[in-house]
C-alpha atoms as a PDB file:
ATOM      1  CA  MET A   1      81.952-164.871  14.741  1.00  0.00           C
ATOM      2  CA  ALA A   2      78.482-163.621  15.562  1.00  0.00           C
ATOM      3  CA  SER A   3      78.814-160.779  13.049  1.00  0.00           C
ATOM      4  CA  SER A   4      78.176-163.113  10.114  1.00  0.00           C
ATOM      5  CA  PRO A   5      75.035-162.086   8.172  1.00  0.00           C
ATOM      6  CA  ALA A   6      73.936-165.731   8.007  1.00  0.00           C
ATOM      7  CA  ARG A   7      74.285-166.107  11.776  1.00  0.00           C
ATOM      8  CA  SER A   8      72.286-162.935  12.283  1.00  0.00           C
ATOM      9  CA  ARG A   9      69.486-164.449  10.192  1.00  0.00           C
ATOM     10  CA  VAL A  10      69.665-167.649  12.247  1.00  0.00           C
ATOM     11  CA  LEU A  11      69.357-165.635  15.465  1.00  0.00           C
ATOM     12  CA  ARG A  12      66.358-163.731  14.091  1.00  0.00           C
ATOM     13  CA  LEU A  13      64.615-167.036  13.408  1.00  0.00           C
ATOM     14  CA  LEU A  14      65.422-168.306  16.877  1.00  0.00           C
ATOM     15  CA  PHE A  15      63.879-165.247  18.502  1.00  0.00           C
ATOM     16  CA  GLU A  16      60.586-166.414  16.967  1.00  0.00           C
ATOM     17  CA  GLY A  17      60.856-169.667  18.930  1.00  0.00           C
ATOM     18  CA  PRO A  18      62.796-172.932  19.144  1.00  0.00           C
ATOM     19  CA  GLN A  19      63.919-174.329  15.798  1.00  0.00           C
ATOM     20  CA  SER A  20      65.647-177.455  14.564  1.00  0.00           C
ATOM     21  CA  PRO A  21      68.648-177.209  12.231  1.00  0.00           C
ATOM     22  CA  GLY A  22      66.532-178.656   9.416  1.00  0.00           C
ATOM     23  CA  THR A  23      63.827-176.023   9.869  1.00  0.00           C
ATOM     24  CA  ILE A  24      66.433-173.266   9.887  1.00  0.00           C
ATOM     25  CA  ALA A  25      68.107-174.679   6.790  1.00  0.00           C
ATOM     26  CA  ALA A  26      64.802-174.768   4.912  1.00  0.00           C
ATOM     27  CA  ALA A  27      63.836-171.245   5.995  1.00  0.00           C
ATOM     28  CA  LEU A  28      67.189-169.772   4.956  1.00  0.00           C
ATOM     29  CA  ASN A  29      67.671-171.969   1.892  1.00  0.00           C
ATOM     30  CA  ILE A  30      71.001-173.314   3.136  1.00  0.00           C
ATOM     31  CA  ALA A  31      72.331-176.839   3.622  1.00  0.00           C
ATOM     32  CA  PRO A  32      71.447-178.530   6.937  1.00  0.00           C
ATOM     33  CA  GLY A  33      75.150-178.948   7.693  1.00  0.00           C
ATOM     34  CA  THR A  34      75.683-175.221   7.220  1.00  0.00           C
ATOM     35  CA  ALA A  35      72.811-174.485   9.607  1.00  0.00           C
ATOM     36  CA  SER A  36      74.335-176.870  12.151  1.00  0.00           C
ATOM     37  CA  ASN A  37      77.722-175.160  11.840  1.00  0.00           C
ATOM     38  CA  HIS A  38      76.178-171.728  12.443  1.00  0.00           C
ATOM     39  CA  LEU A  39      74.234-173.075  15.417  1.00  0.00           C
ATOM     40  CA  ALA A  40      77.369-174.637  16.891  1.00  0.00           C
ATOM     41  CA  ALA A  41      79.215-171.320  16.612  1.00  0.00           C
ATOM     42  CA  LEU A  42      76.331-169.390  18.173  1.00  0.00           C
ATOM     43  CA  HIS A  43      76.068-171.987  20.930  1.00  0.00           C
ATOM     44  CA  GLY A  44      79.779-171.643  21.616  1.00  0.00           C
ATOM     45  CA  LEU A  45      79.323-167.884  21.987  1.00  0.00           C
ATOM     46  CA  GLY A  46      76.515-168.393  24.486  1.00  0.00           C
ATOM     47  CA  LEU A  47      73.894-166.852  22.190  1.00  0.00           C
ATOM     48  CA  VAL A  48      71.749-169.973  21.801  1.00  0.00           C
ATOM     49  CA  THR A  49      70.810-172.991  23.886  1.00  0.00           C
ATOM     50  CA  ALA A  50      70.117-176.509  22.668  1.00  0.00           C
ATOM     51  CA  GLU A  51      67.576-178.987  23.972  1.00  0.00           C
ATOM     52  CA  ALA A  52      67.355-182.610  22.907  1.00  0.00           C
ATOM     53  CA  CYS A  53      63.937-183.980  22.068  1.00  0.00           C
ATOM     54  CA  GLY A  54      64.355-187.596  21.092  1.00  0.00           C
ATOM     55  CA  ARG A  55      66.885-187.743  18.283  1.00  0.00           C
ATOM     56  CA  ARG A  56      66.390-184.085  17.347  1.00  0.00           C
ATOM     57  CA  ARG A  57      67.817-180.944  18.879  1.00  0.00           C
ATOM     58  CA  PHE A  58      65.961-177.677  19.122  1.00  0.00           C
ATOM     59  CA  TYR A  59      67.794-174.401  19.486  1.00  0.00           C
ATOM     60  CA  SER A  60      66.569-171.227  21.163  1.00  0.00           C
ATOM     61  CA  ALA A  61      68.012-167.737  21.377  1.00  0.00           C
ATOM     62  CA  VAL A  62      69.298-166.717  24.794  1.00  0.00           C
ATOM     63  CA  PRO A  63      67.330-163.554  25.696  1.00  0.00           C
ATOM     64  CA  ASN A  64      70.348-161.773  27.227  1.00  0.00           C
ATOM     65  CA  GLY A  65      72.902-163.443  24.983  1.00  0.00           C
ATOM     66  CA  ALA A  66      73.956-160.207  23.304  1.00  0.00           C
ATOM     67  CA  GLN A  67      74.715-158.681  26.699  1.00  0.00           C
ATOM     68  CA  ALA A  68      76.818-161.704  27.639  1.00  0.00           C
ATOM     69  CA  LEU A  69      78.709-161.439  24.348  1.00  0.00           C
ATOM     70  CA  LEU A  70      79.429-157.741  24.905  1.00  0.00           C
ATOM     71  CA  GLU A  71      80.706-158.455  28.400  1.00  0.00           C
ATOM     72  CA  GLU A  72      82.968-161.168  27.044  1.00  0.00           C
ATOM     73  CA  ILE A  73      84.331-158.829  24.372  1.00  0.00           C
ATOM     74  CA  ARG A  74      84.926-156.043  26.897  1.00  0.00           C
ATOM     75  CA  GLY A  75      86.598-158.384  29.366  1.00  0.00           C
ATOM     76  CA  PRO A  76      86.475-158.318  33.157  1.00  0.00           C
ATOM     77  CA  ALA A  77      86.005-154.904  34.735  1.00  0.00           C
ATOM     78  CA  ASN A  78      89.285-155.236  36.647  1.00  0.00           C
ATOM     79  CA  ASP A  79      91.312-156.214  33.567  1.00  0.00           C
ATOM     80  CA  PRO A  80      93.531-153.260  32.539  1.00  0.00           C
ATOM     81  CA  ALA A  81      93.668-154.601  28.977  1.00  0.00           C
ATOM     82  CA  ALA A  82      89.887-154.197  28.735  1.00  0.00           C
ATOM     83  CA  ASP A  83      90.337-150.418  28.785  1.00  0.00           C
ATOM     84  CA  LEU A  84      92.856-150.260  25.924  1.00  0.00           C
ATOM     85  CA  ASP A  85      90.266-149.180  23.378  1.00  0.00           C
ATOM     86  CA  ARG A  86      89.211-146.257  25.606  1.00  0.00           C
ATOM     87  CA  ARG A  87      92.714-144.728  25.757  1.00  0.00           C
END
């Protein structure tokens, strides 16, 4: 989930500019595989994009990604189940 403190730190780094998993791992003092796992989860949520550059991938934060995540959590406007928490 995006609420993970480690994923929040990854997103903060990505708002500074594109980063590779290795750069993120070094900055956060975590294993490269852990950084890759966080990036994969954030990518799956639509909060980051990935661009290949040779054999490396660089990730960037999606500027309106948080808005997209909120819309996904809330559900479609015409979905009656989306209003359950307001009742």
